[in-house]
PDBML (XML) file of the C-alpha atoms, coordinates in Angstrom:
<?xml version="1.0" encoding="UTF-8" ?>
<PDBx:datablock datablockName="MODEL"
   xmlns:PDBx="http://pdbml.pdb.org/schema/pdbx-v50.xsd"
   xmlns:xsi="http://www.w3.org/2001/XMLSchema-instance"
   xsi:schemaLocation="http://pdbml.pdb.org/schema/pdbx-v50.xsd pdbx-v50.xsd">
   <PDBx:atom_siteCategory>
      <PDBx:atom_site id="1">
         <PDBx:B_iso_or_equiv>0.00</PDBx:B_iso_or_equiv>
         <PDBx:Cartn_x>3.909</PDBx:Cartn_x>
         <PDBx:Cartn_y>-24.724</PDBx:Cartn_y>
         <PDBx:Cartn_z>-13.657</PDBx:Cartn_z>
         <PDBx:auth_asym_id>A</PDBx:auth_asym_id>
         <PDBx:auth_atom_id>CA</PDBx:auth_atom_id>
         <PDBx:auth_comp_id>UNK</PDBx:auth_comp_id>
         <PDBx:auth_seq_id>1</PDBx:auth_seq_id>
         <PDBx:group_PDB>ATOM</PDBx:group_PDB>
         <PDBx:label_alt_id xsi:nil="true" />
         <PDBx:label_asym_id>A</PDBx:label_asym_id>
         <PDBx:label_atom_id>CA</PDBx:label_atom_id>
         <PDBx:label_comp_id>UNK</PDBx:label_comp_id>
         <PDBx:label_entity_id>1</PDBx:label_entity_id>
         <PDBx:label_seq_id>1</PDBx:label_seq_id>
         <PDBx:occupancy>1.00</PDBx:occupancy>
         <PDBx:pdbx_PDB_model_num>1</PDBx:pdbx_PDB_model_num>
         <PDBx:type_symbol>C</PDBx:type_symbol>
      </PDBx:atom_site>
      <PDBx:atom_site id="2">
         <PDBx:B_iso_or_equiv>0.00</PDBx:B_iso_or_equiv>
         <PDBx:Cartn_x>2.835</PDBx:Cartn_x>
         <PDBx:Cartn_y>-27.208</PDBx:Cartn_y>
         <PDBx:Cartn_z>-10.047</PDBx:Cartn_z>
         <PDBx:auth_asym_id>A</PDBx:auth_asym_id>
         <PDBx:auth_atom_id>CA</PDBx:auth_atom_id>
         <PDBx:auth_comp_id>UNK</PDBx:auth_comp_id>
         <PDBx:auth_seq_id>2</PDBx:auth_seq_id>
         <PDBx:group_PDB>ATOM</PDBx:group_PDB>
         <PDBx:label_alt_id xsi:nil="true" />
         <PDBx:label_asym_id>A</PDBx:label_asym_id>
         <PDBx:label_atom_id>CA</PDBx:label_atom_id>
         <PDBx:label_comp_id>UNK</PDBx:label_comp_id>
         <PDBx:label_entity_id>1</PDBx:label_entity_id>
         <PDBx:label_seq_id>2</PDBx:label_seq_id>
         <PDBx:occupancy>1.00</PDBx:occupancy>
         <PDBx:pdbx_PDB_model_num>1</PDBx:pdbx_PDB_model_num>
         <PDBx:type_symbol>C</PDBx:type_symbol>
      </PDBx:atom_site>
      <PDBx:atom_site id="3">
         <PDBx:B_iso_or_equiv>0.00</PDBx:B_iso_or_equiv>
         <PDBx:Cartn_x>3.395</PDBx:Cartn_x>
         <PDBx:Cartn_y>-23.649</PDBx:Cartn_y>
         <PDBx:Cartn_z>-8.090</PDBx:Cartn_z>
         <PDBx:auth_asym_id>A</PDBx:auth_asym_id>
         <PDBx:auth_atom_id>CA</PDBx:auth_atom_id>
         <PDBx:auth_comp_id>UNK</PDBx:auth_comp_id>
         <PDBx:auth_seq_id>3</PDBx:auth_seq_id>
         <PDBx:group_PDB>ATOM</PDBx:group_PDB>
         <PDBx:label_alt_id xsi:nil="true" />
         <PDBx:label_asym_id>A</PDBx:label_asym_id>
         <PDBx:label_atom_id>CA</PDBx:label_atom_id>
         <PDBx:label_comp_id>UNK</PDBx:label_comp_id>
         <PDBx:label_entity_id>1</PDBx:label_entity_id>
         <PDBx:label_seq_id>3</PDBx:label_seq_id>
         <PDBx:occupancy>1.00</PDBx:occupancy>
         <PDBx:pdbx_PDB_model_num>1</PDBx:pdbx_PDB_model_num>
         <PDBx:type_symbol>C</PDBx:type_symbol>
      </PDBx:atom_site>
      <PDBx:atom_site id="4">
         <PDBx:B_iso_or_equiv>0.00</PDBx:B_iso_or_equiv>
         <PDBx:Cartn_x>2.701</PDBx:Cartn_x>
         <PDBx:Cartn_y>-19.999</PDBx:Cartn_y>
         <PDBx:Cartn_z>-8.084</PDBx:Cartn_z>
         <PDBx:auth_asym_id>A</PDBx:auth_asym_id>
         <PDBx:auth_atom_id>CA</PDBx:auth_atom_id>
         <PDBx:auth_comp_id>UNK</PDBx:auth_comp_id>
         <PDBx:auth_seq_id>4</PDBx:auth_seq_id>
         <PDBx:group_PDB>ATOM</PDBx:group_PDB>
         <PDBx:label_alt_id xsi:nil="true" />
         <PDBx:label_asym_id>A</PDBx:label_asym_id>
         <PDBx:label_atom_id>CA</PDBx:label_atom_id>
         <PDBx:label_comp_id>UNK</PDBx:label_comp_id>
         <PDBx:label_entity_id>1</PDBx:label_entity_id>
         <PDBx:label_seq_id>4</PDBx:label_seq_id>
         <PDBx:occupancy>1.00</PDBx:occupancy>
         <PDBx:pdbx_PDB_model_num>1</PDBx:pdbx_PDB_model_num>
         <PDBx:type_symbol>C</PDBx:type_symbol>
      </PDBx:atom_site>
      <PDBx:atom_site id="5">
         <PDBx:B_iso_or_equiv>0.00</PDBx:B_iso_or_equiv>
         <PDBx:Cartn_x>3.841</PDBx:Cartn_x>
         <PDBx:Cartn_y>-16.752</PDBx:Cartn_y>
         <PDBx:Cartn_z>-6.216</PDBx:Cartn_z>
         <PDBx:auth_asym_id>A</PDBx:auth_asym_id>
         <PDBx:auth_atom_id>CA</PDBx:auth_atom_id>
         <PDBx:auth_comp_id>UNK</PDBx:auth_comp_id>
         <PDBx:auth_seq_id>5</PDBx:auth_seq_id>
         <PDBx:group_PDB>ATOM</PDBx:group_PDB>
         <PDBx:label_alt_id xsi:nil="true" />
         <PDBx:label_asym_id>A</PDBx:label_asym_id>
         <PDBx:label_atom_id>CA</PDBx:label_atom_id>
         <PDBx:label_comp_id>UNK</PDBx:label_comp_id>
         <PDBx:label_entity_id>1</PDBx:label_entity_id>
         <PDBx:label_seq_id>5</PDBx:label_seq_id>
         <PDBx:occupancy>1.00</PDBx:occupancy>
         <PDBx:pdbx_PDB_model_num>1</PDBx:pdbx_PDB_model_num>
         <PDBx:type_symbol>C</PDBx:type_symbol>
      </PDBx:atom_site>
      <PDBx:atom_site id="6">
         <PDBx:B_iso_or_equiv>0.00</PDBx:B_iso_or_equiv>
         <PDBx:Cartn_x>2.081</PDBx:Cartn_x>
         <PDBx:Cartn_y>-13.557</PDBx:Cartn_y>
         <PDBx:Cartn_z>-4.931</PDBx:Cartn_z>
         <PDBx:auth_asym_id>A</PDBx:auth_asym_id>
         <PDBx:auth_atom_id>CA</PDBx:auth_atom_id>
         <PDBx:auth_comp_id>UNK</PDBx:auth_comp_id>
         <PDBx:auth_seq_id>6</PDBx:auth_seq_id>
         <PDBx:group_PDB>ATOM</PDBx:group_PDB>
         <PDBx:label_alt_id xsi:nil="true" />
         <PDBx:label_asym_id>A</PDBx:label_asym_id>
         <PDBx:label_atom_id>CA</PDBx:label_atom_id>
         <PDBx:label_comp_id>UNK</PDBx:label_comp_id>
         <PDBx:label_entity_id>1</PDBx:label_entity_id>
         <PDBx:label_seq_id>6</PDBx:label_seq_id>
         <PDBx:occupancy>1.00</PDBx:occupancy>
         <PDBx:pdbx_PDB_model_num>1</PDBx:pdbx_PDB_model_num>
         <PDBx:type_symbol>C</PDBx:type_symbol>
      </PDBx:atom_site>
      <PDBx:atom_site id="7">
         <PDBx:B_iso_or_equiv>0.00</PDBx:B_iso_or_equiv>
         <PDBx:Cartn_x>3.807</PDBx:Cartn_x>
         <PDBx:Cartn_y>-10.893</PDBx:Cartn_y>
         <PDBx:Cartn_z>-2.652</PDBx:Cartn_z>
         <PDBx:auth_asym_id>A</PDBx:auth_asym_id>
         <PDBx:auth_atom_id>CA</PDBx:auth_atom_id>
         <PDBx:auth_comp_id>UNK</PDBx:auth_comp_id>
         <PDBx:auth_seq_id>7</PDBx:auth_seq_id>
         <PDBx:group_PDB>ATOM</PDBx:group_PDB>
         <PDBx:label_alt_id xsi:nil="true" />
         <PDBx:label_asym_id>A</PDBx:label_asym_id>
         <PDBx:label_atom_id>CA</PDBx:label_atom_id>
         <PDBx:label_comp_id>UNK</PDBx:label_comp_id>
         <PDBx:label_entity_id>1</PDBx:label_entity_id>
         <PDBx:label_seq_id>7</PDBx:label_seq_id>
         <PDBx:occupancy>1.00</PDBx:occupancy>
         <PDBx:pdbx_PDB_model_num>1</PDBx:pdbx_PDB_model_num>
         <PDBx:type_symbol>C</PDBx:type_symbol>
      </PDBx:atom_site>
      <PDBx:atom_site id="8">
         <PDBx:B_iso_or_equiv>0.00</PDBx:B_iso_or_equiv>
         <PDBx:Cartn_x>1.387</PDBx:Cartn_x>
         <PDBx:Cartn_y>-9.697</PDBx:Cartn_y>
         <PDBx:Cartn_z>0.154</PDBx:Cartn_z>
         <PDBx:auth_asym_id>A</PDBx:auth_asym_id>
         <PDBx:auth_atom_id>CA</PDBx:auth_atom_id>
         <PDBx:auth_comp_id>UNK</PDBx:auth_comp_id>
         <PDBx:auth_seq_id>8</PDBx:auth_seq_id>
         <PDBx:group_PDB>ATOM</PDBx:group_PDB>
         <PDBx:label_alt_id xsi:nil="true" />
         <PDBx:label_asym_id>A</PDBx:label_asym_id>
         <PDBx:label_atom_id>CA</PDBx:label_atom_id>
         <PDBx:label_comp_id>UNK</PDBx:label_comp_id>
         <PDBx:label_entity_id>1</PDBx:label_entity_id>
         <PDBx:label_seq_id>8</PDBx:label_seq_id>
         <PDBx:occupancy>1.00</PDBx:occupancy>
         <PDBx:pdbx_PDB_model_num>1</PDBx:pdbx_PDB_model_num>
         <PDBx:type_symbol>C</PDBx:type_symbol>
      </PDBx:atom_site>
      <PDBx:atom_site id="9">
         <PDBx:B_iso_or_equiv>0.00</PDBx:B_iso_or_equiv>
         <PDBx:Cartn_x>0.991</PDBx:Cartn_x>
         <PDBx:Cartn_y>-6.894</PDBx:Cartn_y>
         <PDBx:Cartn_z>2.591</PDBx:Cartn_z>
         <PDBx:auth_asym_id>A</PDBx:auth_asym_id>
         <PDBx:auth_atom_id>CA</PDBx:auth_atom_id>
         <PDBx:auth_comp_id>UNK</PDBx:auth_comp_id>
         <PDBx:auth_seq_id>9</PDBx:auth_seq_id>
         <PDBx:group_PDB>ATOM</PDBx:group_PDB>
         <PDBx:label_alt_id xsi:nil="true" />
         <PDBx:label_asym_id>A</PDBx:label_asym_id>
         <PDBx:label_atom_id>CA</PDBx:label_atom_id>
         <PDBx:label_comp_id>UNK</PDBx:label_comp_id>
         <PDBx:label_entity_id>1</PDBx:label_entity_id>
         <PDBx:label_seq_id>9</PDBx:label_seq_id>
         <PDBx:occupancy>1.00</PDBx:occupancy>
         <PDBx:pdbx_PDB_model_num>1</PDBx:pdbx_PDB_model_num>
         <PDBx:type_symbol>C</PDBx:type_symbol>
      </PDBx:atom_site>
      <PDBx:atom_site id="10">
         <PDBx:B_iso_or_equiv>0.00</PDBx:B_iso_or_equiv>
         <PDBx:Cartn_x>-0.295</PDBx:Cartn_x>
         <PDBx:Cartn_y>-7.355</PDBx:Cartn_y>
         <PDBx:Cartn_z>5.779</PDBx:Cartn_z>
         <PDBx:auth_asym_id>A</PDBx:auth_asym_id>
         <PDBx:auth_atom_id>CA</PDBx:auth_atom_id>
         <PDBx:auth_comp_id>UNK</PDBx:auth_comp_id>
         <PDBx:auth_seq_id>10</PDBx:auth_seq_id>
         <PDBx:group_PDB>ATOM</PDBx:group_PDB>
         <PDBx:label_alt_id xsi:nil="true" />
         <PDBx:label_asym_id>A</PDBx:label_asym_id>
         <PDBx:label_atom_id>CA</PDBx:label_atom_id>
         <PDBx:label_comp_id>UNK</PDBx:label_comp_id>
         <PDBx:label_entity_id>1</PDBx:label_entity_id>
         <PDBx:label_seq_id>10</PDBx:label_seq_id>
         <PDBx:occupancy>1.00</PDBx:occupancy>
         <PDBx:pdbx_PDB_model_num>1</PDBx:pdbx_PDB_model_num>
         <PDBx:type_symbol>C</PDBx:type_symbol>
      </PDBx:atom_site>
      <PDBx:atom_site id="11">
         <PDBx:B_iso_or_equiv>0.00</PDBx:B_iso_or_equiv>
         <PDBx:Cartn_x>-3.224</PDBx:Cartn_x>
         <PDBx:Cartn_y>-4.886</PDBx:Cartn_y>
         <PDBx:Cartn_z>6.954</PDBx:Cartn_z>
         <PDBx:auth_asym_id>A</PDBx:auth_asym_id>
         <PDBx:auth_atom_id>CA</PDBx:auth_atom_id>
         <PDBx:auth_comp_id>UNK</PDBx:auth_comp_id>
         <PDBx:auth_seq_id>11</PDBx:auth_seq_id>
         <PDBx:group_PDB>ATOM</PDBx:group_PDB>
         <PDBx:label_alt_id xsi:nil="true" />
         <PDBx:label_asym_id>A</PDBx:label_asym_id>
         <PDBx:label_atom_id>CA</PDBx:label_atom_id>
         <PDBx:label_comp_id>UNK</PDBx:label_comp_id>
         <PDBx:label_entity_id>1</PDBx:label_entity_id>
         <PDBx:label_seq_id>11</PDBx:label_seq_id>
         <PDBx:occupancy>1.00</PDBx:occupancy>
         <PDBx:pdbx_PDB_model_num>1</PDBx:pdbx_PDB_model_num>
         <PDBx:type_symbol>C</PDBx:type_symbol>
      </PDBx:atom_site>
      <PDBx:atom_site id="12">
         <PDBx:B_iso_or_equiv>0.00</PDBx:B_iso_or_equiv>
         <PDBx:Cartn_x>-2.837</PDBx:Cartn_x>
         <PDBx:Cartn_y>-3.030</PDBx:Cartn_y>
         <PDBx:Cartn_z>9.852</PDBx:Cartn_z>
         <PDBx:auth_asym_id>A</PDBx:auth_asym_id>
         <PDBx:auth_atom_id>CA</PDBx:auth_atom_id>
         <PDBx:auth_comp_id>UNK</PDBx:auth_comp_id>
         <PDBx:auth_seq_id>12</PDBx:auth_seq_id>
         <PDBx:group_PDB>ATOM</PDBx:group_PDB>
         <PDBx:label_alt_id xsi:nil="true" />
         <PDBx:label_asym_id>A</PDBx:label_asym_id>
         <PDBx:label_atom_id>CA</PDBx:label_atom_id>
         <PDBx:label_comp_id>UNK</PDBx:label_comp_id>
         <PDBx:label_entity_id>1</PDBx:label_entity_id>
         <PDBx:label_seq_id>12</PDBx:label_seq_id>
         <PDBx:occupancy>1.00</PDBx:occupancy>
         <PDBx:pdbx_PDB_model_num>1</PDBx:pdbx_PDB_model_num>
         <PDBx:type_symbol>C</PDBx:type_symbol>
      </PDBx:atom_site>
      <PDBx:atom_site id="13">
         <PDBx:B_iso_or_equiv>0.00</PDBx:B_iso_or_equiv>
         <PDBx:Cartn_x>0.836</PDBx:Cartn_x>
         <PDBx:Cartn_y>-3.080</PDBx:Cartn_y>
         <PDBx:Cartn_z>9.363</PDBx:Cartn_z>
         <PDBx:auth_asym_id>A</PDBx:auth_asym_id>
         <PDBx:auth_atom_id>CA</PDBx:auth_atom_id>
         <PDBx:auth_comp_id>UNK</PDBx:auth_comp_id>
         <PDBx:auth_seq_id>13</PDBx:auth_seq_id>
         <PDBx:group_PDB>ATOM</PDBx:group_PDB>
         <PDBx:label_alt_id xsi:nil="true" />
         <PDBx:label_asym_id>A</PDBx:label_asym_id>
         <PDBx:label_atom_id>CA</PDBx:label_atom_id>
         <PDBx:label_comp_id>UNK</PDBx:label_comp_id>
         <PDBx:label_entity_id>1</PDBx:label_entity_id>
         <PDBx:label_seq_id>13</PDBx:label_seq_id>
         <PDBx:occupancy>1.00</PDBx:occupancy>
         <PDBx:pdbx_PDB_model_num>1</PDBx:pdbx_PDB_model_num>
         <PDBx:type_symbol>C</PDBx:type_symbol>
      </PDBx:atom_site>
      <PDBx:atom_site id="14">
         <PDBx:B_iso_or_equiv>0.00</PDBx:B_iso_or_equiv>
         <PDBx:Cartn_x>1.731</PDBx:Cartn_x>
         <PDBx:Cartn_y>-6.039</PDBx:Cartn_y>
         <PDBx:Cartn_z>11.492</PDBx:Cartn_z>
         <PDBx:auth_asym_id>A</PDBx:auth_asym_id>
         <PDBx:auth_atom_id>CA</PDBx:auth_atom_id>
         <PDBx:auth_comp_id>UNK</PDBx:auth_comp_id>
         <PDBx:auth_seq_id>14</PDBx:auth_seq_id>
         <PDBx:group_PDB>ATOM</PDBx:group_PDB>
         <PDBx:label_alt_id xsi:nil="true" />
         <PDBx:label_asym_id>A</PDBx:label_asym_id>
         <PDBx:label_atom_id>CA</PDBx:label_atom_id>
         <PDBx:label_comp_id>UNK</PDBx:label_comp_id>
         <PDBx:label_entity_id>1</PDBx:label_entity_id>
         <PDBx:label_seq_id>14</PDBx:label_seq_id>
         <PDBx:occupancy>1.00</PDBx:occupancy>
         <PDBx:pdbx_PDB_model_num>1</PDBx:pdbx_PDB_model_num>
         <PDBx:type_symbol>C</PDBx:type_symbol>
      </PDBx:atom_site>
      <PDBx:atom_site id="15">
         <PDBx:B_iso_or_equiv>0.00</PDBx:B_iso_or_equiv>
         <PDBx:Cartn_x>2.194</PDBx:Cartn_x>
         <PDBx:Cartn_y>-9.826</PDBx:Cartn_y>
         <PDBx:Cartn_z>10.938</PDBx:Cartn_z>
         <PDBx:auth_asym_id>A</PDBx:auth_asym_id>
         <PDBx:auth_atom_id>CA</PDBx:auth_atom_id>
         <PDBx:auth_comp_id>UNK</PDBx:auth_comp_id>
         <PDBx:auth_seq_id>15</PDBx:auth_seq_id>
         <PDBx:group_PDB>ATOM</PDBx:group_PDB>
         <PDBx:label_alt_id xsi:nil="true" />
         <PDBx:label_asym_id>A</PDBx:label_asym_id>
         <PDBx:label_atom_id>CA</PDBx:label_atom_id>
         <PDBx:label_comp_id>UNK</PDBx:label_comp_id>
         <PDBx:label_entity_id>1</PDBx:label_entity_id>
         <PDBx:label_seq_id>15</PDBx:label_seq_id>
         <PDBx:occupancy>1.00</PDBx:occupancy>
         <PDBx:pdbx_PDB_model_num>1</PDBx:pdbx_PDB_model_num>
         <PDBx:type_symbol>C</PDBx:type_symbol>
      </PDBx:atom_site>
      <PDBx:atom_site id="16">
         <PDBx:B_iso_or_equiv>0.00</PDBx:B_iso_or_equiv>
         <PDBx:Cartn_x>-1.053</PDBx:Cartn_x>
         <PDBx:Cartn_y>-11.815</PDBx:Cartn_y>
         <PDBx:Cartn_z>11.802</PDBx:Cartn_z>
         <PDBx:auth_asym_id>A</PDBx:auth_asym_id>
         <PDBx:auth_atom_id>CA</PDBx:auth_atom_id>
         <PDBx:auth_comp_id>UNK</PDBx:auth_comp_id>
         <PDBx:auth_seq_id>16</PDBx:auth_seq_id>
         <PDBx:group_PDB>ATOM</PDBx:group_PDB>
         <PDBx:label_alt_id xsi:nil="true" />
         <PDBx:label_asym_id>A</PDBx:label_asym_id>
         <PDBx:label_atom_id>CA</PDBx:label_atom_id>
         <PDBx:label_comp_id>UNK</PDBx:label_comp_id>
         <PDBx:label_entity_id>1</PDBx:label_entity_id>
         <PDBx:label_seq_id>16</PDBx:label_seq_id>
         <PDBx:occupancy>1.00</PDBx:occupancy>
         <PDBx:pdbx_PDB_model_num>1</PDBx:pdbx_PDB_model_num>
         <PDBx:type_symbol>C</PDBx:type_symbol>
      </PDBx:atom_site>
      <PDBx:atom_site id="17">
         <PDBx:B_iso_or_equiv>0.00</PDBx:B_iso_or_equiv>
         <PDBx:Cartn_x>-0.961</PDBx:Cartn_x>
         <PDBx:Cartn_y>-14.404</PDBx:Cartn_y>
         <PDBx:Cartn_z>14.317</PDBx:Cartn_z>
         <PDBx:auth_asym_id>A</PDBx:auth_asym_id>
         <PDBx:auth_atom_id>CA</PDBx:auth_atom_id>
         <PDBx:auth_comp_id>UNK</PDBx:auth_comp_id>
         <PDBx:auth_seq_id>17</PDBx:auth_seq_id>
         <PDBx:group_PDB>ATOM</PDBx:group_PDB>
         <PDBx:label_alt_id xsi:nil="true" />
         <PDBx:label_asym_id>A</PDBx:label_asym_id>
         <PDBx:label_atom_id>CA</PDBx:label_atom_id>
         <PDBx:label_comp_id>UNK</PDBx:label_comp_id>
         <PDBx:label_entity_id>1</PDBx:label_entity_id>
         <PDBx:label_seq_id>17</PDBx:label_seq_id>
         <PDBx:occupancy>1.00</PDBx:occupancy>
         <PDBx:pdbx_PDB_model_num>1</PDBx:pdbx_PDB_model_num>
         <PDBx:type_symbol>C</PDBx:type_symbol>
      </PDBx:atom_site>
      <PDBx:atom_site id="18">
         <PDBx:B_iso_or_equiv>0.00</PDBx:B_iso_or_equiv>
         <PDBx:Cartn_x>-2.235</PDBx:Cartn_x>
         <PDBx:Cartn_y>-17.031</PDBx:Cartn_y>
         <PDBx:Cartn_z>11.379</PDBx:Cartn_z>
         <PDBx:auth_asym_id>A</PDBx:auth_asym_id>
         <PDBx:auth_atom_id>CA</PDBx:auth_atom_id>
         <PDBx:auth_comp_id>UNK</PDBx:auth_comp_id>
         <PDBx:auth_seq_id>18</PDBx:auth_seq_id>
         <PDBx:group_PDB>ATOM</PDBx:group_PDB>
         <PDBx:label_alt_id xsi:nil="true" />
         <PDBx:label_asym_id>A</PDBx:label_asym_id>
         <PDBx:label_atom_id>CA</PDBx:label_atom_id>
         <PDBx:label_comp_id>UNK</PDBx:label_comp_id>
         <PDBx:label_entity_id>1</PDBx:label_entity_id>
         <PDBx:label_seq_id>18</PDBx:label_seq_id>
         <PDBx:occupancy>1.00</PDBx:occupancy>
         <PDBx:pdbx_PDB_model_num>1</PDBx:pdbx_PDB_model_num>
         <PDBx:type_symbol>C</PDBx:type_symbol>
      </PDBx:atom_site>
      <PDBx:atom_site id="19">
         <PDBx:B_iso_or_equiv>0.00</PDBx:B_iso_or_equiv>
         <PDBx:Cartn_x>-0.762</PDBx:Cartn_x>
         <PDBx:Cartn_y>-15.879</PDBx:Cartn_y>
         <PDBx:Cartn_z>8.028</PDBx:Cartn_z>
         <PDBx:auth_asym_id>A</PDBx:auth_asym_id>
         <PDBx:auth_atom_id>CA</PDBx:auth_atom_id>
         <PDBx:auth_comp_id>UNK</PDBx:auth_comp_id>
         <PDBx:auth_seq_id>19</PDBx:auth_seq_id>
         <PDBx:group_PDB>ATOM</PDBx:group_PDB>
         <PDBx:label_alt_id xsi:nil="true" />
         <PDBx:label_asym_id>A</PDBx:label_asym_id>
         <PDBx:label_atom_id>CA</PDBx:label_atom_id>
         <PDBx:label_comp_id>UNK</PDBx:label_comp_id>
         <PDBx:label_entity_id>1</PDBx:label_entity_id>
         <PDBx:label_seq_id>19</PDBx:label_seq_id>
         <PDBx:occupancy>1.00</PDBx:occupancy>
         <PDBx:pdbx_PDB_model_num>1</PDBx:pdbx_PDB_model_num>
         <PDBx:type_symbol>C</PDBx:type_symbol>
      </PDBx:atom_site>
      <PDBx:atom_site id="20">
         <PDBx:B_iso_or_equiv>0.00</PDBx:B_iso_or_equiv>
         <PDBx:Cartn_x>-2.357</PDBx:Cartn_x>
         <PDBx:Cartn_y>-18.791</PDBx:Cartn_y>
         <PDBx:Cartn_z>6.654</PDBx:Cartn_z>
         <PDBx:auth_asym_id>A</PDBx:auth_asym_id>
         <PDBx:auth_atom_id>CA</PDBx:auth_atom_id>
         <PDBx:auth_comp_id>UNK</PDBx:auth_comp_id>
         <PDBx:auth_seq_id>20</PDBx:auth_seq_id>
         <PDBx:group_PDB>ATOM</PDBx:group_PDB>
         <PDBx:label_alt_id xsi:nil="true" />
         <PDBx:label_asym_id>A</PDBx:label_asym_id>
         <PDBx:label_atom_id>CA</PDBx:label_atom_id>
         <PDBx:label_comp_id>UNK</PDBx:label_comp_id>
         <PDBx:label_entity_id>1</PDBx:label_entity_id>
         <PDBx:label_seq_id>20</PDBx:label_seq_id>
         <PDBx:occupancy>1.00</PDBx:occupancy>
         <PDBx:pdbx_PDB_model_num>1</PDBx:pdbx_PDB_model_num>
         <PDBx:type_symbol>C</PDBx:type_symbol>
      </PDBx:atom_site>
      <PDBx:atom_site id="21">
         <PDBx:B_iso_or_equiv>0.00</PDBx:B_iso_or_equiv>
         <PDBx:Cartn_x>-5.636</PDBx:Cartn_x>
         <PDBx:Cartn_y>-18.612</PDBx:Cartn_y>
         <PDBx:Cartn_z>7.647</PDBx:Cartn_z>
         <PDBx:auth_asym_id>A</PDBx:auth_asym_id>
         <PDBx:auth_atom_id>CA</PDBx:auth_atom_id>
         <PDBx:auth_comp_id>UNK</PDBx:auth_comp_id>
         <PDBx:auth_seq_id>21</PDBx:auth_seq_id>
         <PDBx:group_PDB>ATOM</PDBx:group_PDB>
         <PDBx:label_alt_id xsi:nil="true" />
         <PDBx:label_asym_id>A</PDBx:label_asym_id>
         <PDBx:label_atom_id>CA</PDBx:label_atom_id>
         <PDBx:label_comp_id>UNK</PDBx:label_comp_id>
         <PDBx:label_entity_id>1</PDBx:label_entity_id>
         <PDBx:label_seq_id>21</PDBx:label_seq_id>
         <PDBx:occupancy>1.00</PDBx:occupancy>
         <PDBx:pdbx_PDB_model_num>1</PDBx:pdbx_PDB_model_num>
         <PDBx:type_symbol>C</PDBx:type_symbol>
      </PDBx:atom_site>
      <PDBx:atom_site id="22">
         <PDBx:B_iso_or_equiv>0.00</PDBx:B_iso_or_equiv>
         <PDBx:Cartn_x>-5.324</PDBx:Cartn_x>
         <PDBx:Cartn_y>-15.478</PDBx:Cartn_y>
         <PDBx:Cartn_z>6.558</PDBx:Cartn_z>
         <PDBx:auth_asym_id>A</PDBx:auth_asym_id>
         <PDBx:auth_atom_id>CA</PDBx:auth_atom_id>
         <PDBx:auth_comp_id>UNK</PDBx:auth_comp_id>
         <PDBx:auth_seq_id>22</PDBx:auth_seq_id>
         <PDBx:group_PDB>ATOM</PDBx:group_PDB>
         <PDBx:label_alt_id xsi:nil="true" />
         <PDBx:label_asym_id>A</PDBx:label_asym_id>
         <PDBx:label_atom_id>CA</PDBx:label_atom_id>
         <PDBx:label_comp_id>UNK</PDBx:label_comp_id>
         <PDBx:label_entity_id>1</PDBx:label_entity_id>
         <PDBx:label_seq_id>22</PDBx:label_seq_id>
         <PDBx:occupancy>1.00</PDBx:occupancy>
         <PDBx:pdbx_PDB_model_num>1</PDBx:pdbx_PDB_model_num>
         <PDBx:type_symbol>C</PDBx:type_symbol>
      </PDBx:atom_site>
      <PDBx:atom_site id="23">
         <PDBx:B_iso_or_equiv>0.00</PDBx:B_iso_or_equiv>
         <PDBx:Cartn_x>-4.904</PDBx:Cartn_x>
         <PDBx:Cartn_y>-15.412</PDBx:Cartn_y>
         <PDBx:Cartn_z>3.363</PDBx:Cartn_z>
         <PDBx:auth_asym_id>A</PDBx:auth_asym_id>
         <PDBx:auth_atom_id>CA</PDBx:auth_atom_id>
         <PDBx:auth_comp_id>UNK</PDBx:auth_comp_id>
         <PDBx:auth_seq_id>23</PDBx:auth_seq_id>
         <PDBx:group_PDB>ATOM</PDBx:group_PDB>
         <PDBx:label_alt_id xsi:nil="true" />
         <PDBx:label_asym_id>A</PDBx:label_asym_id>
         <PDBx:label_atom_id>CA</PDBx:label_atom_id>
         <PDBx:label_comp_id>UNK</PDBx:label_comp_id>
         <PDBx:label_entity_id>1</PDBx:label_entity_id>
         <PDBx:label_seq_id>23</PDBx:label_seq_id>
         <PDBx:occupancy>1.00</PDBx:occupancy>
         <PDBx:pdbx_PDB_model_num>1</PDBx:pdbx_PDB_model_num>
         <PDBx:type_symbol>C</PDBx:type_symbol>
      </PDBx:atom_site>
      <PDBx:atom_site id="24">
         <PDBx:B_iso_or_equiv>0.00</PDBx:B_iso_or_equiv>
         <PDBx:Cartn_x>-7.548</PDBx:Cartn_x>
         <PDBx:Cartn_y>-18.538</PDBx:Cartn_y>
         <PDBx:Cartn_z>2.803</PDBx:Cartn_z>
         <PDBx:auth_asym_id>A</PDBx:auth_asym_id>
         <PDBx:auth_atom_id>CA</PDBx:auth_atom_id>
         <PDBx:auth_comp_id>UNK</PDBx:auth_comp_id>
         <PDBx:auth_seq_id>24</PDBx:auth_seq_id>
         <PDBx:group_PDB>ATOM</PDBx:group_PDB>
         <PDBx:label_alt_id xsi:nil="true" />
         <PDBx:label_asym_id>A</PDBx:label_asym_id>
         <PDBx:label_atom_id>CA</PDBx:label_atom_id>
         <PDBx:label_comp_id>UNK</PDBx:label_comp_id>
         <PDBx:label_entity_id>1</PDBx:label_entity_id>
         <PDBx:label_seq_id>24</PDBx:label_seq_id>
         <PDBx:occupancy>1.00</PDBx:occupancy>
         <PDBx:pdbx_PDB_model_num>1</PDBx:pdbx_PDB_model_num>
         <PDBx:type_symbol>C</PDBx:type_symbol>
      </PDBx:atom_site>
   </PDBx:atom_siteCategory>
</PDBx:datablock>
């Protein structure tokens, strides 16, 4: 119960430099 997950598709079809900031 202490965690959760999602699958995300990055915009602009590329991995952002700071994925965690983008997610927030």
